[in-house]
Amino acid sequence: MPNPTLHTSPDVAPQAAPPVDPHPQPSAPSLPQQSPRSTLTRDQRGTTTVEYAILLVLVTVIATTAWTQLGGALVEKIRSATDAIASLGA
């Protein structure tokens, strides 16, 4: 006696399952649809880059200021030493 729950038709060919990608690519996170201003204030994907850029500018300004101050003090010391040496020979 045939199984009544299993229905097979000779006209329908069996279909294979779609191939499975062995290396699926992660999809980009989607942001909820909001107003552009709200999206800009909540999107923090570039925050770290901006923070590093600000930090780099700050370090550059501090280093330039220190180098300028050190250079001025060094020039003054060299000038003082040159004057002292010149006064010995006179």
PDB file of N, CA and C in Angstrom:
ATOM      1  N   MET A   1       0.842  -1.162   0.000  1.00  0.00           N
ATOM      2  CA  MET A   1       0.000   0.000   0.000  1.00  0.00           C
ATOM      3  C   MET A   1       0.903   1.247   0.000  1.00  0.00           C
ATOM      4  N   PRO A   2       0.625   2.231  -0.894  1.00  0.00           N
ATOM      5  CA  PRO A   2       1.451   3.430  -0.960  1.00  0.00           C
ATOM      6  C   PRO A   2       1.207   4.347   0.227  1.00  0.00           C
ATOM      7  N   ASN A   3       2.230   5.119   0.549  1.00  0.00           N
ATOM      8  CA  ASN A   3       2.141   6.069   1.660  1.00  0.00           C
ATOM      9  C   ASN A   3       1.305   7.264   1.207  1.00  0.00           C
ATOM     10  N   PRO A   4       0.182   7.578   1.866  1.00  0.00           N
ATOM     11  CA  PRO A   4      -0.694   8.665   1.408  1.00  0.00           C
ATOM     12  C   PRO A   4      -0.103  10.054   1.693  1.00  0.00           C
ATOM     13  N   THR A   5       0.836  10.178   2.615  1.00  0.00           N
ATOM     14  CA  THR A   5       1.383  11.503   2.922  1.00  0.00           C
ATOM     15  C   THR A   5       2.475  11.912   1.937  1.00  0.00           C
ATOM     16  N   LEU A   6       3.045  10.985   1.220  1.00  0.00           N
ATOM     17  CA  LEU A   6       4.111  11.275   0.280  1.00  0.00           C
ATOM     18  C   LEU A   6       3.506  11.336  -1.110  1.00  0.00           C
ATOM     19  N   HIS A   7       3.529  12.518  -1.715  1.00  0.00           N
ATOM     20  CA  HIS A   7       2.959  12.699  -3.041  1.00  0.00           C
ATOM     21  C   HIS A   7       4.086  12.956  -4.011  1.00  0.00           C
ATOM     22  N   THR A   8       4.248  12.087  -4.941  1.00  0.00           N
ATOM     23  CA  THR A   8       5.258  12.275  -5.974  1.00  0.00           C
ATOM     24  C   THR A   8       4.561  12.312  -7.309  1.00  0.00           C
ATOM     25  N   SER A   9       5.057  13.144  -8.176  1.00  0.00           N
ATOM     26  CA  SER A   9       4.482  13.262  -9.497  1.00  0.00           C
ATOM     27  C   SER A   9       5.578  12.993 -10.506  1.00  0.00           C
ATOM     28  N   PRO A  10       5.327  12.191 -11.485  1.00  0.00           N
ATOM     29  CA  PRO A  10       6.356  11.909 -12.467  1.00  0.00           C
ATOM     30  C   PRO A  10       6.667  13.118 -13.343  1.00  0.00           C
ATOM     31  N   ASP A  11       5.775  14.142 -13.382  1.00  0.00           N
ATOM     32  CA  ASP A  11       5.979  15.320 -14.231  1.00  0.00           C
ATOM     33  C   ASP A  11       6.941  16.333 -13.606  1.00  0.00           C
ATOM     34  N   VAL A  12       7.091  16.322 -12.314  1.00  0.00           N
ATOM     35  CA  VAL A  12       7.896  17.324 -11.621  1.00  0.00           C
ATOM     36  C   VAL A  12       9.273  16.757 -11.327  1.00  0.00           C
ATOM     37  N   ALA A  13      10.308  17.454 -11.834  1.00  0.00           N
ATOM     38  CA  ALA A  13      11.674  17.016 -11.569  1.00  0.00           C
ATOM     39  C   ALA A  13      12.106  17.536 -10.210  1.00  0.00           C
ATOM     40  N   PRO A  14      12.854  16.761  -9.482  1.00  0.00           N
ATOM     41  CA  PRO A  14      13.320  17.262  -8.170  1.00  0.00           C
ATOM     42  C   PRO A  14      14.262  18.445  -8.358  1.00  0.00           C
ATOM     43  N   GLN A  15      14.117  19.420  -7.512  1.00  0.00           N
ATOM     44  CA  GLN A  15      14.950  20.624  -7.596  1.00  0.00           C
ATOM     45  C   GLN A  15      16.064  20.546  -6.568  1.00  0.00           C
ATOM     46  N   ALA A  16      17.259  20.931  -7.024  1.00  0.00           N
ATOM     47  CA  ALA A  16      18.405  20.942  -6.116  1.00  0.00           C
ATOM     48  C   ALA A  16      18.367  22.211  -5.272  1.00  0.00           C
ATOM     49  N   ALA A  17      18.912  22.114  -4.084  1.00  0.00           N
ATOM     50  CA  ALA A  17      18.991  23.287  -3.203  1.00  0.00           C
ATOM     51  C   ALA A  17      19.995  24.272  -3.796  1.00  0.00           C
ATOM     52  N   PRO A  18      19.798  25.580  -3.590  1.00  0.00           N
ATOM     53  CA  PRO A  18      20.765  26.558  -4.106  1.00  0.00           C
ATOM     54  C   PRO A  18      22.127  26.322  -3.464  1.00  0.00           C
ATOM     55  N   PRO A  19      23.211  26.600  -4.208  1.00  0.00           N
ATOM     56  CA  PRO A  19      24.542  26.365  -3.636  1.00  0.00           C
ATOM     57  C   PRO A  19      24.803  27.277  -2.441  1.00  0.00           C
ATOM     58  N   VAL A  20      25.523  26.751  -1.483  1.00  0.00           N
ATOM     59  CA  VAL A  20      25.850  27.498  -0.275  1.00  0.00           C
ATOM     60  C   VAL A  20      27.241  28.097  -0.452  1.00  0.00           C
ATOM     61  N   ASP A  21      27.352  29.405  -0.221  1.00  0.00           N
ATOM     62  CA  ASP A  21      28.640  30.091  -0.343  1.00  0.00           C
ATOM     63  C   ASP A  21      29.519  29.688   0.841  1.00  0.00           C
ATOM     64  N   PRO A  22      30.690  29.080   0.591  1.00  0.00           N
ATOM     65  CA  PRO A  22      31.533  28.658   1.713  1.00  0.00           C
ATOM     66  C   PRO A  22      32.184  29.828   2.446  1.00  0.00           C
ATOM     67  N   HIS A  23      32.261  30.989   1.804  1.00  0.00           N
ATOM     68  CA  HIS A  23      32.863  32.178   2.410  1.00  0.00           C
ATOM     69  C   HIS A  23      31.898  33.352   2.282  1.00  0.00           C
ATOM     70  N   PRO A  24      30.852  33.371   3.067  1.00  0.00           N
ATOM     71  CA  PRO A  24      29.886  34.471   2.926  1.00  0.00           C
ATOM     72  C   PRO A  24      30.505  35.799   3.354  1.00  0.00           C
ATOM     73  N   GLN A  25      30.177  36.852   2.640  1.00  0.00           N
ATOM     74  CA  GLN A  25      30.652  38.198   2.958  1.00  0.00           C
ATOM     75  C   GLN A  25      29.693  38.827   3.965  1.00  0.00           C
ATOM     76  N   PRO A  26      30.243  39.455   5.012  1.00  0.00           N
ATOM     77  CA  PRO A  26      29.341  40.114   5.974  1.00  0.00           C
ATOM     78  C   PRO A  26      28.682  41.316   5.309  1.00  0.00           C
ATOM     79  N   SER A  27      27.449  41.488   5.610  1.00  0.00           N
ATOM     80  CA  SER A  27      26.742  42.628   5.038  1.00  0.00           C
ATOM     81  C   SER A  27      27.005  43.865   5.899  1.00  0.00           C
ATOM     82  N   ALA A  28      27.004  45.018   5.252  1.00  0.00           N
ATOM     83  CA  ALA A  28      27.236  46.275   5.961  1.00  0.00           C
ATOM     84  C   ALA A  28      26.037  46.547   6.869  1.00  0.00           C
ATOM     85  N   PRO A  29      26.300  47.059   8.063  1.00  0.00           N
ATOM     86  CA  PRO A  29      25.172  47.351   8.947  1.00  0.00           C
ATOM     87  C   PRO A  29      24.328  48.470   8.346  1.00  0.00           C
ATOM     88  N   SER A  30      23.064  48.268   8.374  1.00  0.00           N
ATOM     89  CA  SER A  30      22.185  49.297   7.827  1.00  0.00           C
ATOM     90  C   SER A  30      21.694  50.184   8.956  1.00  0.00           C
ATOM     91  N   LEU A  31      21.667  51.458   8.661  1.00  0.00           N
ATOM     92  CA  LEU A  31      21.179  52.425   9.635  1.00  0.00           C
ATOM     93  C   LEU A  31      19.685  52.598   9.442  1.00  0.00           C
ATOM     94  N   PRO A  32      18.957  52.828  10.491  1.00  0.00           N
ATOM     95  CA  PRO A  32      17.520  53.044  10.326  1.00  0.00           C
ATOM     96  C   PRO A  32      17.277  54.306   9.513  1.00  0.00           C
ATOM     97  N   GLN A  33      16.207  54.292   8.748  1.00  0.00           N
ATOM     98  CA  GLN A  33      15.869  55.447   7.926  1.00  0.00           C
ATOM     99  C   GLN A  33      15.384  56.579   8.821  1.00  0.00           C
ATOM    100  N   GLN A  34      16.208  57.623   8.890  1.00  0.00           N
ATOM    101  CA  GLN A  34      15.876  58.781   9.706  1.00  0.00           C
ATOM    102  C   GLN A  34      16.216  60.021   8.907  1.00  0.00           C
ATOM    103  N   SER A  35      15.985  61.148   9.493  1.00  0.00           N
ATOM    104  CA  SER A  35      16.326  62.388   8.808  1.00  0.00           C
ATOM    105  C   SER A  35      17.845  62.479   8.674  1.00  0.00           C
ATOM    106  N   PRO A  36      18.366  63.165   7.638  1.00  0.00           N
ATOM    107  CA  PRO A  36      19.816  63.251   7.451  1.00  0.00           C
ATOM    108  C   PRO A  36      20.544  63.825   8.658  1.00  0.00           C
ATOM    109  N   ARG A  37      19.977  64.809   9.312  1.00  0.00           N
ATOM    110  CA  ARG A  37      20.644  65.404  10.470  1.00  0.00           C
ATOM    111  C   ARG A  37      20.760  64.398  11.602  1.00  0.00           C
ATOM    112  N   SER A  38      19.707  63.640  11.833  1.00  0.00           N
ATOM    113  CA  SER A  38      19.728  62.637  12.895  1.00  0.00           C
ATOM    114  C   SER A  38      20.746  61.550  12.580  1.00  0.00           C
ATOM    115  N   THR A  39      20.829  61.169  11.309  1.00  0.00           N
ATOM    116  CA  THR A  39      21.789  60.151  10.903  1.00  0.00           C
ATOM    117  C   THR A  39      23.210  60.639  11.113  1.00  0.00           C
ATOM    118  N   LEU A  40      23.490  61.888  10.771  1.00  0.00           N
ATOM    119  CA  LEU A  40      24.831  62.435  10.931  1.00  0.00           C
ATOM    120  C   LEU A  40      25.244  62.522  12.393  1.00  0.00           C
ATOM    121  N   THR A  41      24.333  62.837  13.268  1.00  0.00           N
ATOM    122  CA  THR A  41      24.690  62.970  14.674  1.00  0.00           C
ATOM    123  C   THR A  41      24.839  61.614  15.355  1.00  0.00           C
ATOM    124  N   ARG A  42      24.205  60.581  14.837  1.00  0.00           N
ATOM    125  CA  ARG A  42      24.288  59.263  15.468  1.00  0.00           C
ATOM    126  C   ARG A  42      25.339  58.362  14.842  1.00  0.00           C
ATOM    127  N   ASP A  43      25.709  58.606  13.594  1.00  0.00           N
ATOM    128  CA  ASP A  43      26.684  57.763  12.910  1.00  0.00           C
ATOM    129  C   ASP A  43      28.071  58.073  13.440  1.00  0.00           C
ATOM    130  N   GLN A  44      28.734  57.080  14.040  1.00  0.00           N
ATOM    131  CA  GLN A  44      30.036  57.306  14.667  1.00  0.00           C
ATOM    132  C   GLN A  44      31.125  56.467  14.032  1.00  0.00           C
ATOM    133  N   ARG A  45      30.942  56.080  12.761  1.00  0.00           N
ATOM    134  CA  ARG A  45      31.924  55.226  12.109  1.00  0.00           C
ATOM    135  C   ARG A  45      33.253  55.927  11.881  1.00  0.00           C
ATOM    136  N   GLY A  46      33.289  57.256  11.675  1.00  0.00           N
ATOM    137  CA  GLY A  46      34.539  57.959  11.416  1.00  0.00           C
ATOM    138  C   GLY A  46      35.072  58.706  12.620  1.00  0.00           C
ATOM    139  N   THR A  47      34.477  58.497  13.763  1.00  0.00           N
ATOM    140  CA  THR A  47      34.861  59.240  14.963  1.00  0.00           C
ATOM    141  C   THR A  47      36.307  58.991  15.357  1.00  0.00           C
ATOM    142  N   THR A  48      36.751  57.779  15.320  1.00  0.00           N
ATOM    143  CA  THR A  48      38.116  57.454  15.743  1.00  0.00           C
ATOM    144  C   THR A  48      39.137  58.140  14.844  1.00  0.00           C
ATOM    145  N   THR A  49      38.888  58.162  13.553  1.00  0.00           N
ATOM    146  CA  THR A  49      39.801  58.815  12.617  1.00  0.00           C
ATOM    147  C   THR A  49      39.905  60.303  12.919  1.00  0.00           C
ATOM    148  N   VAL A  50      38.783  60.934  13.177  1.00  0.00           N
ATOM    149  CA  VAL A  50      38.779  62.360  13.489  1.00  0.00           C
ATOM    150  C   VAL A  50      39.507  62.614  14.803  1.00  0.00           C
ATOM    151  N   GLU A  51      39.302  61.754  15.785  1.00  0.00           N
ATOM    152  CA  GLU A  51      39.994  61.925  17.066  1.00  0.00           C
ATOM    153  C   GLU A  51      41.502  61.815  16.896  1.00  0.00           C
ATOM    154  N   TYR A  52      41.958  60.859  16.102  1.00  0.00           N
ATOM    155  CA  TYR A  52      43.395  60.723  15.852  1.00  0.00           C
ATOM    156  C   TYR A  52      43.942  61.931  15.095  1.00  0.00           C
ATOM    157  N   ALA A  53      43.184  62.465  14.161  1.00  0.00           N
ATOM    158  CA  ALA A  53      43.631  63.651  13.413  1.00  0.00           C
ATOM    159  C   ALA A  53      43.772  64.848  14.346  1.00  0.00           C
ATOM    160  N   ILE A  54      42.815  65.047  15.238  1.00  0.00           N
ATOM    161  CA  ILE A  54      42.887  66.152  16.205  1.00  0.00           C
ATOM    162  C   ILE A  54      44.081  65.960  17.131  1.00  0.00           C
ATOM    163  N   LEU A  55      44.297  64.742  17.580  1.00  0.00           N
ATOM    164  CA  LEU A  55      45.434  64.448  18.453  1.00  0.00           C
ATOM    165  C   LEU A  55      46.750  64.711  17.725  1.00  0.00           C
ATOM    166  N   LEU A  56      46.842  64.339  16.466  1.00  0.00           N
ATOM    167  CA  LEU A  56      48.052  64.577  15.677  1.00  0.00           C
ATOM    168  C   LEU A  56      48.323  66.070  15.529  1.00  0.00           C
ATOM    169  N   VAL A  57      47.295  66.852  15.268  1.00  0.00           N
ATOM    170  CA  VAL A  57      47.460  68.304  15.144  1.00  0.00           C
ATOM    171  C   VAL A  57      47.917  68.885  16.479  1.00  0.00           C
ATOM    172  N   LEU A  58      47.328  68.443  17.570  1.00  0.00           N
ATOM    173  CA  LEU A  58      47.693  68.941  18.891  1.00  0.00           C
ATOM    174  C   LEU A  58      49.154  68.618  19.212  1.00  0.00           C
ATOM    175  N   VAL A  59      49.583  67.406  18.961  1.00  0.00           N
ATOM    176  CA  VAL A  59      50.974  67.020  19.217  1.00  0.00           C
ATOM    177  C   VAL A  59      51.916  67.829  18.332  1.00  0.00           C
ATOM    178  N   THR A  60      51.537  68.058  17.075  1.00  0.00           N
ATOM    179  CA  THR A  60      52.368  68.841  16.162  1.00  0.00           C
ATOM    180  C   THR A  60      52.523  70.274  16.652  1.00  0.00           C
ATOM    181  N   VAL A  61      51.454  70.884  17.117  1.00  0.00           N
ATOM    182  CA  VAL A  61      51.518  72.260  17.623  1.00  0.00           C
ATOM    183  C   VAL A  61      52.406  72.325  18.869  1.00  0.00           C
ATOM    184  N   ILE A  62      52.242  71.379  19.773  1.00  0.00           N
ATOM    185  CA  ILE A  62      53.056  71.369  20.990  1.00  0.00           C
ATOM    186  C   ILE A  62      54.529  71.144  20.647  1.00  0.00           C
ATOM    187  N   ALA A  63      54.814  70.228  19.742  1.00  0.00           N
ATOM    188  CA  ALA A  63      56.202  69.957  19.363  1.00  0.00           C
ATOM    189  C   ALA A  63      56.830  71.162  18.668  1.00  0.00           C
ATOM    190  N   THR A  64      56.078  71.822  17.806  1.00  0.00           N
ATOM    191  CA  THR A  64      56.607  73.014  17.115  1.00  0.00           C
ATOM    192  C   THR A  64      56.888  74.134  18.105  1.00  0.00           C
ATOM    193  N   THR A  65      55.995  74.346  19.041  1.00  0.00           N
ATOM    194  CA  THR A  65      56.194  75.380  20.063  1.00  0.00           C
ATOM    195  C   THR A  65      57.417  75.056  20.911  1.00  0.00           C
ATOM    196  N   ALA A  66      57.539  73.814  21.336  1.00  0.00           N
ATOM    197  CA  ALA A  66      58.688  73.424  22.149  1.00  0.00           C
ATOM    198  C   ALA A  66      59.986  73.573  21.363  1.00  0.00           C
ATOM    199  N   TRP A  67      59.989  73.177  20.105  1.00  0.00           N
ATOM    200  CA  TRP A  67      61.189  73.285  19.266  1.00  0.00           C
ATOM    201  C   TRP A  67      61.590  74.745  19.082  1.00  0.00           C
ATOM    202  N   THR A  68      60.596  75.624  18.885  1.00  0.00           N
ATOM    203  CA  THR A  68      60.876  77.049  18.719  1.00  0.00           C
ATOM    204  C   THR A  68      61.467  77.634  19.999  1.00  0.00           C
ATOM    205  N   GLN A  69      60.876  77.294  21.139  1.00  0.00           N
ATOM    206  CA  GLN A  69      61.384  77.798  22.418  1.00  0.00           C
ATOM    207  C   GLN A  69      62.791  77.270  22.694  1.00  0.00           C
ATOM    208  N   LEU A  70      62.992  75.986  22.450  1.00  0.00           N
ATOM    209  CA  LEU A  70      64.302  75.391  22.666  1.00  0.00           C
ATOM    210  C   LEU A  70      65.331  75.999  21.718  1.00  0.00           C
ATOM    211  N   GLY A  71      64.940  76.221  20.476  1.00  0.00           N
ATOM    212  CA  GLY A  71      65.840  76.835  19.498  1.00  0.00           C
ATOM    213  C   GLY A  71      66.252  78.232  19.913  1.00  0.00           C
ATOM    214  N   GLY A  72      65.294  79.025  20.405  1.00  0.00           N
ATOM    215  CA  GLY A  72      65.602  80.383  20.867  1.00  0.00           C
ATOM    216  C   GLY A  72      66.554  80.371  22.048  1.00  0.00           C
ATOM    217  N   ALA A  73      66.322  79.473  22.996  1.00  0.00           N
ATOM    218  CA  ALA A  73      67.196  79.373  24.169  1.00  0.00           C
ATOM    219  C   ALA A  73      68.587  78.891  23.757  1.00  0.00           C
ATOM    220  N   LEU A  74      68.645  77.987  22.811  1.00  0.00           N
ATOM    221  CA  LEU A  74      69.930  77.465  22.339  1.00  0.00           C
ATOM    222  C   LEU A  74      70.730  78.549  21.609  1.00  0.00           C
ATOM    223  N   VAL A  75      70.066  79.334  20.796  1.00  0.00           N
ATOM    224  CA  VAL A  75      70.737  80.441  20.097  1.00  0.00           C
ATOM    225  C   VAL A  75      71.296  81.434  21.115  1.00  0.00           C
ATOM    226  N   GLU A  76      70.529  81.731  22.139  1.00  0.00           N
ATOM    227  CA  GLU A  76      70.987  82.672  23.171  1.00  0.00           C
ATOM    228  C   GLU A  76      72.204  82.114  23.905  1.00  0.00           C
ATOM    229  N   LYS A  77      72.214  80.829  24.236  1.00  0.00           N
ATOM    230  CA  LYS A  77      73.367  80.222  24.915  1.00  0.00           C
ATOM    231  C   LYS A  77      74.608  80.261  24.013  1.00  0.00           C
ATOM    232  N   ILE A  78      74.436  79.952  22.733  1.00  0.00           N
ATOM    233  CA  ILE A  78      75.574  79.978  21.806  1.00  0.00           C
ATOM    234  C   ILE A  78      76.106  81.400  21.665  1.00  0.00           C
ATOM    235  N   ARG A  79      75.218  82.375  21.569  1.00  0.00           N
ATOM    236  CA  ARG A  79      75.630  83.779  21.459  1.00  0.00           C
ATOM    237  C   ARG A  79      76.396  84.204  22.716  1.00  0.00           C
ATOM    238  N   SER A  80      75.919  83.804  23.884  1.00  0.00           N
ATOM    239  CA  SER A  80      76.579  84.138  25.140  1.00  0.00           C
ATOM    240  C   SER A  80      77.968  83.494  25.208  1.00  0.00           C
ATOM    241  N   ALA A  81      78.071  82.221  24.800  1.00  0.00           N
ATOM    242  CA  ALA A  81      79.362  81.538  24.812  1.00  0.00           C
ATOM    243  C   ALA A  81      80.329  82.167  23.812  1.00  0.00           C
ATOM    244  N   THR A  82      79.829  82.557  22.654  1.00  0.00           N
ATOM    245  CA  THR A  82      80.672  83.202  21.636  1.00  0.00           C
ATOM    246  C   THR A  82      81.198  84.536  22.142  1.00  0.00           C
ATOM    247  N   ASP A  83      80.339  85.302  22.800  1.00  0.00           N
ATOM    248  CA  ASP A  83      80.769  86.596  23.369  1.00  0.00           C
ATOM    249  C   ASP A  83      81.823  86.398  24.439  1.00  0.00           C
ATOM    250  N   ALA A  84      81.639  85.349  25.285  1.00  0.00           N
ATOM    251  CA  ALA A  84      82.592  85.076  26.369  1.00  0.00           C
ATOM    252  C   ALA A  84      83.940  84.683  25.782  1.00  0.00           C
ATOM    253  N   ILE A  85      83.938  83.872  24.734  1.00  0.00           N
ATOM    254  CA  ILE A  85      85.191  83.454  24.103  1.00  0.00           C
ATOM    255  C   ILE A  85      85.862  84.654  23.423  1.00  0.00           C
ATOM    256  N   ALA A  86      85.074  85.515  22.788  1.00  0.00           N
ATOM    257  CA  ALA A  86      85.619  86.685  22.111  1.00  0.00           C
ATOM    258  C   ALA A  86      86.234  87.653  23.113  1.00  0.00           C
ATOM    259  N   SER A  87      85.638  87.755  24.300  1.00  0.00           N
ATOM    260  CA  SER A  87      86.191  88.705  25.282  1.00  0.00           C
ATOM    261  C   SER A  87      87.487  88.193  25.885  1.00  0.00           C
ATOM    262  N   LEU A  88      87.739  86.894  25.852  1.00  0.00           N
ATOM    263  CA  LEU A  88      88.990  86.338  26.352  1.00  0.00           C
ATOM    264  C   LEU A  88      90.170  86.695  25.428  1.00  0.00           C
ATOM    265  N   GLY A  89      89.889  86.759  24.131  1.00  0.00           N
ATOM    266  CA  GLY A  89      90.950  87.020  23.189  1.00  0.00           C
ATOM    267  C   GLY A  89      91.241  88.504  23.020  1.00  0.00           C
ATOM    268  N   ALA A  90      90.446  89.347  23.541  1.00  0.00           N
ATOM    269  CA  ALA A  90      90.668  90.782  23.326  1.00  0.00           C
ATOM    270  C   ALA A  90      91.572  91.407  24.332  1.00  0.00           C
TER     271      ALA A  90
END
